[in-house]
């Protein structure tokens, strides 16, 4: 997929996936799994919505809104990770900035399809 926002979200999700595999075993089916799902959901919703855009612009925009929700969800999971000591402040800051940028890019994408 050629969308810049997809590429950025995809790279973040790969980093989240790799890092979350190092979380404590007790978190692998909790926090780590939730983070992997939410981060991948952004990419999946963009791809599915983009594929349906020819049929309905409104449908595409609905998928973008779902992706924005997942980006916002990631902010909560990342805060838990930092507060629980699974990631450092530097990683949290980088991921936080990345997902804020993804959310802004998604909002811009949605506006451009008005």
N, C-alpha and C. Protein backbone atom coordinates (compact mmCIF):
# COMPACT_ATOMS: atom_id res chain seq x y z
N UNK A 1 0.85 -1.17 0.00
CA UNK A 1 0.00 0.00 0.00
C UNK A 1 0.90 1.24 0.00
N UNK A 2 0.57 2.21 -0.83
CA UNK A 2 1.43 3.37 -1.05
C UNK A 2 1.22 4.52 -0.06
N UNK A 3 0.16 4.50 0.70
CA UNK A 3 -0.12 5.63 1.59
C UNK A 3 0.99 5.79 2.63
N UNK A 4 1.48 7.02 2.78
CA UNK A 4 2.53 7.29 3.75
C UNK A 4 2.10 6.91 5.16
N UNK A 5 0.85 7.18 5.49
CA UNK A 5 0.37 6.87 6.83
C UNK A 5 0.38 5.36 7.08
N UNK A 6 0.07 4.59 6.05
CA UNK A 6 0.13 3.13 6.18
C UNK A 6 1.57 2.70 6.47
N UNK A 7 2.52 3.25 5.72
CA UNK A 7 3.93 2.88 5.90
C UNK A 7 4.42 3.22 7.31
N UNK A 8 4.05 4.40 7.80
CA UNK A 8 4.46 4.81 9.15
C UNK A 8 3.83 3.90 10.19
N UNK A 9 2.54 3.65 10.08
CA UNK A 9 1.84 2.78 11.04
C UNK A 9 2.40 1.36 10.99
N UNK A 10 2.73 0.90 9.80
CA UNK A 10 3.27 -0.46 9.65
C UNK A 10 4.63 -0.58 10.35
N UNK A 11 5.49 0.40 10.14
CA UNK A 11 6.81 0.36 10.79
C UNK A 11 6.68 0.40 12.31
N UNK A 12 5.78 1.24 12.81
CA UNK A 12 5.55 1.28 14.26
C UNK A 12 5.03 -0.06 14.76
N UNK A 13 4.12 -0.67 14.02
CA UNK A 13 3.55 -1.95 14.47
C UNK A 13 4.61 -3.05 14.50
N UNK A 14 5.54 -3.01 13.56
CA UNK A 14 6.63 -3.99 13.59
C UNK A 14 7.49 -3.81 14.84
N UNK A 15 7.78 -2.56 15.17
CA UNK A 15 8.59 -2.28 16.36
C UNK A 15 7.85 -2.70 17.62
N UNK A 16 6.57 -2.37 17.68
CA UNK A 16 5.73 -2.76 18.83
C UNK A 16 5.72 -4.28 18.96
N UNK A 17 5.52 -4.97 17.85
CA UNK A 17 5.46 -6.43 17.88
C UNK A 17 6.75 -7.01 18.44
N UNK A 18 7.86 -6.58 17.89
CA UNK A 18 9.15 -7.11 18.33
C UNK A 18 9.41 -6.82 19.81
N UNK A 19 9.17 -5.58 20.22
CA UNK A 19 9.44 -5.20 21.60
C UNK A 19 8.51 -5.92 22.57
N UNK A 20 7.24 -6.07 22.19
CA UNK A 20 6.28 -6.69 23.11
C UNK A 20 6.57 -8.16 23.34
N UNK A 21 7.26 -8.79 22.42
CA UNK A 21 7.64 -10.20 22.62
C UNK A 21 8.64 -10.36 23.77
N UNK A 22 9.25 -9.25 24.16
CA UNK A 22 10.20 -9.28 25.28
C UNK A 22 9.56 -8.94 26.62
N UNK A 23 8.26 -8.63 26.63
CA UNK A 23 7.58 -8.36 27.89
C UNK A 23 7.54 -9.63 28.74
N UNK A 24 7.31 -9.49 30.02
CA UNK A 24 7.23 -10.68 30.87
C UNK A 24 6.17 -11.67 30.37
N UNK A 25 6.43 -12.92 30.66
CA UNK A 25 5.54 -14.00 30.21
C UNK A 25 4.09 -13.76 30.64
N UNK A 26 3.91 -13.24 31.84
CA UNK A 26 2.56 -13.00 32.36
C UNK A 26 1.80 -12.00 31.49
N UNK A 27 2.50 -11.15 30.75
CA UNK A 27 1.86 -10.14 29.90
C UNK A 27 1.64 -10.58 28.45
N UNK A 28 2.16 -11.73 28.06
CA UNK A 28 2.09 -12.13 26.66
C UNK A 28 0.66 -12.31 26.14
N UNK A 29 -0.26 -12.69 27.01
CA UNK A 29 -1.65 -12.86 26.58
C UNK A 29 -2.53 -11.74 27.11
N UNK A 30 -1.92 -10.70 27.62
CA UNK A 30 -2.64 -9.55 28.14
C UNK A 30 -2.20 -8.31 27.41
N UNK A 31 -1.41 -7.52 28.09
CA UNK A 31 -0.99 -6.23 27.57
C UNK A 31 -0.24 -6.36 26.23
N UNK A 32 0.70 -7.28 26.14
CA UNK A 32 1.50 -7.42 24.92
C UNK A 32 0.61 -7.79 23.73
N UNK A 33 -0.28 -8.74 23.93
CA UNK A 33 -1.19 -9.15 22.85
C UNK A 33 -2.11 -8.01 22.44
N UNK A 34 -2.61 -7.27 23.41
CA UNK A 34 -3.50 -6.14 23.12
C UNK A 34 -2.78 -5.08 22.29
N UNK A 35 -1.52 -4.83 22.62
CA UNK A 35 -0.73 -3.86 21.86
C UNK A 35 -0.48 -4.34 20.43
N UNK A 36 -0.16 -5.61 20.29
CA UNK A 36 0.07 -6.14 18.95
C UNK A 36 -1.20 -6.02 18.10
N UNK A 37 -2.32 -6.35 18.69
CA UNK A 37 -3.59 -6.27 17.95
C UNK A 37 -3.94 -4.84 17.56
N UNK A 38 -3.85 -3.92 18.52
CA UNK A 38 -4.22 -2.53 18.25
C UNK A 38 -3.31 -1.90 17.20
N UNK A 39 -2.01 -2.17 17.30
CA UNK A 39 -1.08 -1.57 16.33
C UNK A 39 -1.31 -2.13 14.93
N UNK A 40 -1.60 -3.40 14.83
CA UNK A 40 -1.86 -4.01 13.53
C UNK A 40 -3.23 -3.61 12.98
N UNK A 41 -4.15 -3.33 13.88
CA UNK A 41 -5.50 -2.93 13.48
C UNK A 41 -5.48 -1.65 12.64
N UNK A 42 -4.57 -0.75 12.96
CA UNK A 42 -4.47 0.50 12.19
C UNK A 42 -4.18 0.17 10.73
N UNK A 43 -3.20 -0.66 10.51
CA UNK A 43 -2.81 -1.04 9.15
C UNK A 43 -3.91 -1.82 8.44
N UNK A 44 -4.49 -2.77 9.16
CA UNK A 44 -5.53 -3.60 8.56
C UNK A 44 -6.76 -2.79 8.17
N UNK A 45 -7.17 -1.86 9.03
CA UNK A 45 -8.33 -1.04 8.71
C UNK A 45 -8.06 -0.10 7.55
N UNK A 46 -6.86 0.44 7.49
CA UNK A 46 -6.50 1.27 6.34
C UNK A 46 -6.54 0.48 5.05
N UNK A 47 -5.96 -0.70 5.07
CA UNK A 47 -5.94 -1.53 3.86
C UNK A 47 -7.35 -1.93 3.43
N UNK A 48 -8.16 -2.36 4.38
CA UNK A 48 -9.52 -2.78 4.02
C UNK A 48 -10.34 -1.60 3.53
N UNK A 49 -10.27 -0.47 4.23
CA UNK A 49 -11.02 0.70 3.80
C UNK A 49 -10.56 1.22 2.45
N UNK A 50 -9.25 1.24 2.23
CA UNK A 50 -8.71 1.70 0.96
C UNK A 50 -9.21 0.81 -0.18
N UNK A 51 -9.29 -0.48 0.09
CA UNK A 51 -9.80 -1.40 -0.93
C UNK A 51 -11.26 -1.18 -1.27
N UNK A 52 -12.02 -0.63 -0.33
CA UNK A 52 -13.45 -0.40 -0.53
C UNK A 52 -13.77 1.02 -0.97
N UNK A 53 -12.77 1.86 -1.12
CA UNK A 53 -12.99 3.29 -1.38
C UNK A 53 -13.75 3.55 -2.67
N UNK A 54 -13.57 2.71 -3.67
CA UNK A 54 -14.26 2.93 -4.94
C UNK A 54 -15.76 2.73 -4.80
N UNK A 55 -16.14 1.85 -3.91
CA UNK A 55 -17.57 1.59 -3.69
C UNK A 55 -18.23 2.66 -2.86
N UNK A 56 -17.49 3.21 -1.89
CA UNK A 56 -18.08 4.19 -0.99
C UNK A 56 -17.00 4.96 -0.25
N UNK A 57 -16.96 6.25 -0.50
CA UNK A 57 -16.02 7.11 0.20
C UNK A 57 -16.35 7.11 1.69
N UNK A 58 -17.63 7.11 2.02
CA UNK A 58 -18.04 7.10 3.43
C UNK A 58 -17.55 5.84 4.14
N UNK A 59 -17.58 4.73 3.45
CA UNK A 59 -17.09 3.47 4.03
C UNK A 59 -15.59 3.58 4.31
N UNK A 60 -14.84 4.15 3.37
CA UNK A 60 -13.41 4.35 3.55
C UNK A 60 -13.17 5.24 4.77
N UNK A 61 -13.91 6.32 4.89
CA UNK A 61 -13.75 7.24 6.01
C UNK A 61 -14.10 6.57 7.34
N UNK A 62 -15.05 5.65 7.31
CA UNK A 62 -15.40 4.90 8.54
C UNK A 62 -14.21 4.06 8.99
N UNK A 63 -13.54 3.41 8.06
CA UNK A 63 -12.36 2.62 8.39
C UNK A 63 -11.22 3.50 8.90
N UNK A 64 -11.10 4.70 8.34
CA UNK A 64 -10.09 5.63 8.83
C UNK A 64 -10.38 6.00 10.28
N UNK A 65 -11.65 6.25 10.61
CA UNK A 65 -12.02 6.59 11.98
C UNK A 65 -11.71 5.44 12.95
N UNK A 66 -11.93 4.23 12.51
CA UNK A 66 -11.59 3.07 13.34
C UNK A 66 -10.08 3.02 13.57
N UNK A 67 -9.31 3.30 12.53
CA UNK A 67 -7.84 3.32 12.65
C UNK A 67 -7.39 4.42 13.61
N UNK A 68 -8.04 5.57 13.57
CA UNK A 68 -7.72 6.65 14.50
C UNK A 68 -7.97 6.19 15.93
N UNK A 69 -9.08 5.49 16.13
CA UNK A 69 -9.38 4.96 17.46
C UNK A 69 -8.30 4.00 17.95
N UNK A 70 -7.80 3.17 17.06
CA UNK A 70 -6.73 2.24 17.44
C UNK A 70 -5.44 2.98 17.76
N UNK A 71 -5.15 4.06 17.02
CA UNK A 71 -3.96 4.86 17.31
C UNK A 71 -4.09 5.49 18.70
N UNK A 72 -5.27 5.99 19.03
CA UNK A 72 -5.49 6.55 20.35
C UNK A 72 -5.42 5.48 21.44
N UNK A 73 -5.91 4.29 21.13
CA UNK A 73 -5.83 3.17 22.08
C UNK A 73 -4.37 2.85 22.40
N UNK A 74 -3.51 2.93 21.40
CA UNK A 74 -2.09 2.63 21.61
C UNK A 74 -1.47 3.58 22.63
N UNK A 75 -1.94 4.81 22.70
CA UNK A 75 -1.40 5.76 23.67
C UNK A 75 -1.62 5.26 25.10
N UNK A 76 -2.76 4.65 25.34
CA UNK A 76 -3.06 4.11 26.68
C UNK A 76 -2.16 2.91 26.98
N UNK A 77 -2.05 1.98 26.03
CA UNK A 77 -1.23 0.78 26.26
C UNK A 77 0.23 1.15 26.47
N UNK A 78 0.71 2.14 25.73
CA UNK A 78 2.10 2.54 25.89
C UNK A 78 2.35 3.15 27.27
N UNK A 79 1.38 3.89 27.77
CA UNK A 79 1.54 4.46 29.11
C UNK A 79 1.61 3.36 30.16
N UNK A 80 0.75 2.34 30.02
CA UNK A 80 0.84 1.19 30.93
C UNK A 80 2.23 0.57 30.87
N UNK A 81 2.74 0.39 29.67
CA UNK A 81 4.06 -0.23 29.50
C UNK A 81 5.15 0.57 30.21
N UNK A 82 5.10 1.87 30.06
CA UNK A 82 6.11 2.70 30.71
C UNK A 82 5.94 2.66 32.22
N UNK A 83 4.70 2.81 32.69
CA UNK A 83 4.46 2.83 34.13
C UNK A 83 4.78 1.49 34.80
N UNK A 84 4.66 0.41 34.06
CA UNK A 84 4.98 -0.92 34.59
C UNK A 84 6.46 -1.27 34.41
N UNK A 85 7.20 -0.40 33.73
CA UNK A 85 8.63 -0.62 33.57
C UNK A 85 9.01 -1.53 32.41
N UNK A 86 8.09 -1.76 31.47
CA UNK A 86 8.39 -2.63 30.33
C UNK A 86 9.10 -1.89 29.21
N UNK A 87 8.91 -0.57 29.16
CA UNK A 87 9.63 0.26 28.20
C UNK A 87 10.12 1.50 28.95
N UNK A 88 11.18 2.08 28.43
CA UNK A 88 11.73 3.29 29.04
C UNK A 88 11.03 4.54 28.52
N UNK A 89 11.36 5.66 29.14
CA UNK A 89 10.76 6.93 28.76
C UNK A 89 11.08 7.31 27.32
N UNK A 90 12.29 6.99 26.88
CA UNK A 90 12.70 7.32 25.50
C UNK A 90 11.85 6.55 24.48
N UNK A 91 11.67 5.26 24.72
CA UNK A 91 10.84 4.45 23.82
C UNK A 91 9.40 4.95 23.85
N UNK A 92 8.90 5.22 25.06
CA UNK A 92 7.54 5.73 25.18
C UNK A 92 7.38 7.03 24.39
N UNK A 93 8.32 7.94 24.54
CA UNK A 93 8.24 9.23 23.85
C UNK A 93 8.25 9.05 22.33
N UNK A 94 9.10 8.15 21.86
CA UNK A 94 9.20 7.90 20.41
C UNK A 94 7.90 7.30 19.88
N UNK A 95 7.39 6.27 20.56
CA UNK A 95 6.14 5.64 20.13
C UNK A 95 4.97 6.61 20.22
N UNK A 96 4.93 7.37 21.32
CA UNK A 96 3.85 8.33 21.52
C UNK A 96 3.82 9.34 20.37
N UNK A 97 4.98 9.89 20.06
CA UNK A 97 5.07 10.85 18.95
C UNK A 97 4.66 10.19 17.63
N UNK A 98 5.08 8.95 17.44
CA UNK A 98 4.74 8.23 16.21
C UNK A 98 3.24 8.03 16.05
N UNK A 99 2.57 7.61 17.12
CA UNK A 99 1.13 7.38 17.02
C UNK A 99 0.34 8.68 16.98
N UNK A 100 0.84 9.74 17.59
CA UNK A 100 0.17 11.05 17.45
C UNK A 100 0.27 11.51 15.99
N UNK A 101 1.44 11.29 15.38
CA UNK A 101 1.60 11.66 13.97
C UNK A 101 0.70 10.81 13.09
N UNK A 102 0.62 9.52 13.35
CA UNK A 102 -0.27 8.64 12.58
C UNK A 102 -1.71 9.14 12.69
N UNK A 103 -2.15 9.49 13.88
CA UNK A 103 -3.52 9.98 14.07
C UNK A 103 -3.74 11.26 13.27
N UNK A 104 -2.78 12.18 13.30
CA UNK A 104 -2.91 13.43 12.53
C UNK A 104 -2.96 13.13 11.03
N UNK A 105 -2.11 12.22 10.58
CA UNK A 105 -2.10 11.86 9.17
C UNK A 105 -3.44 11.23 8.76
N UNK A 106 -3.98 10.40 9.63
CA UNK A 106 -5.28 9.78 9.34
C UNK A 106 -6.39 10.82 9.28
N UNK A 107 -6.35 11.78 10.17
CA UNK A 107 -7.35 12.85 10.14
C UNK A 107 -7.24 13.64 8.85
N UNK A 108 -6.03 13.92 8.43
CA UNK A 108 -5.82 14.62 7.16
C UNK A 108 -6.31 13.80 5.98
N UNK A 109 -6.05 12.52 6.01
CA UNK A 109 -6.52 11.63 4.95
C UNK A 109 -8.05 11.64 4.88
N UNK A 110 -8.67 11.58 6.01
CA UNK A 110 -10.13 11.60 6.06
C UNK A 110 -10.68 12.90 5.48
N UNK A 111 -10.08 14.03 5.87
CA UNK A 111 -10.53 15.32 5.33
C UNK A 111 -10.32 15.41 3.82
N UNK A 112 -9.25 14.83 3.33
CA UNK A 112 -8.95 14.93 1.88
C UNK A 112 -9.93 14.12 1.03
N UNK A 113 -10.67 13.21 1.65
CA UNK A 113 -11.64 12.39 0.91
C UNK A 113 -13.08 12.91 1.11
N UNK A 114 -13.21 14.20 1.39
CA UNK A 114 -14.55 14.80 1.60
C UNK A 114 -15.31 14.91 0.32
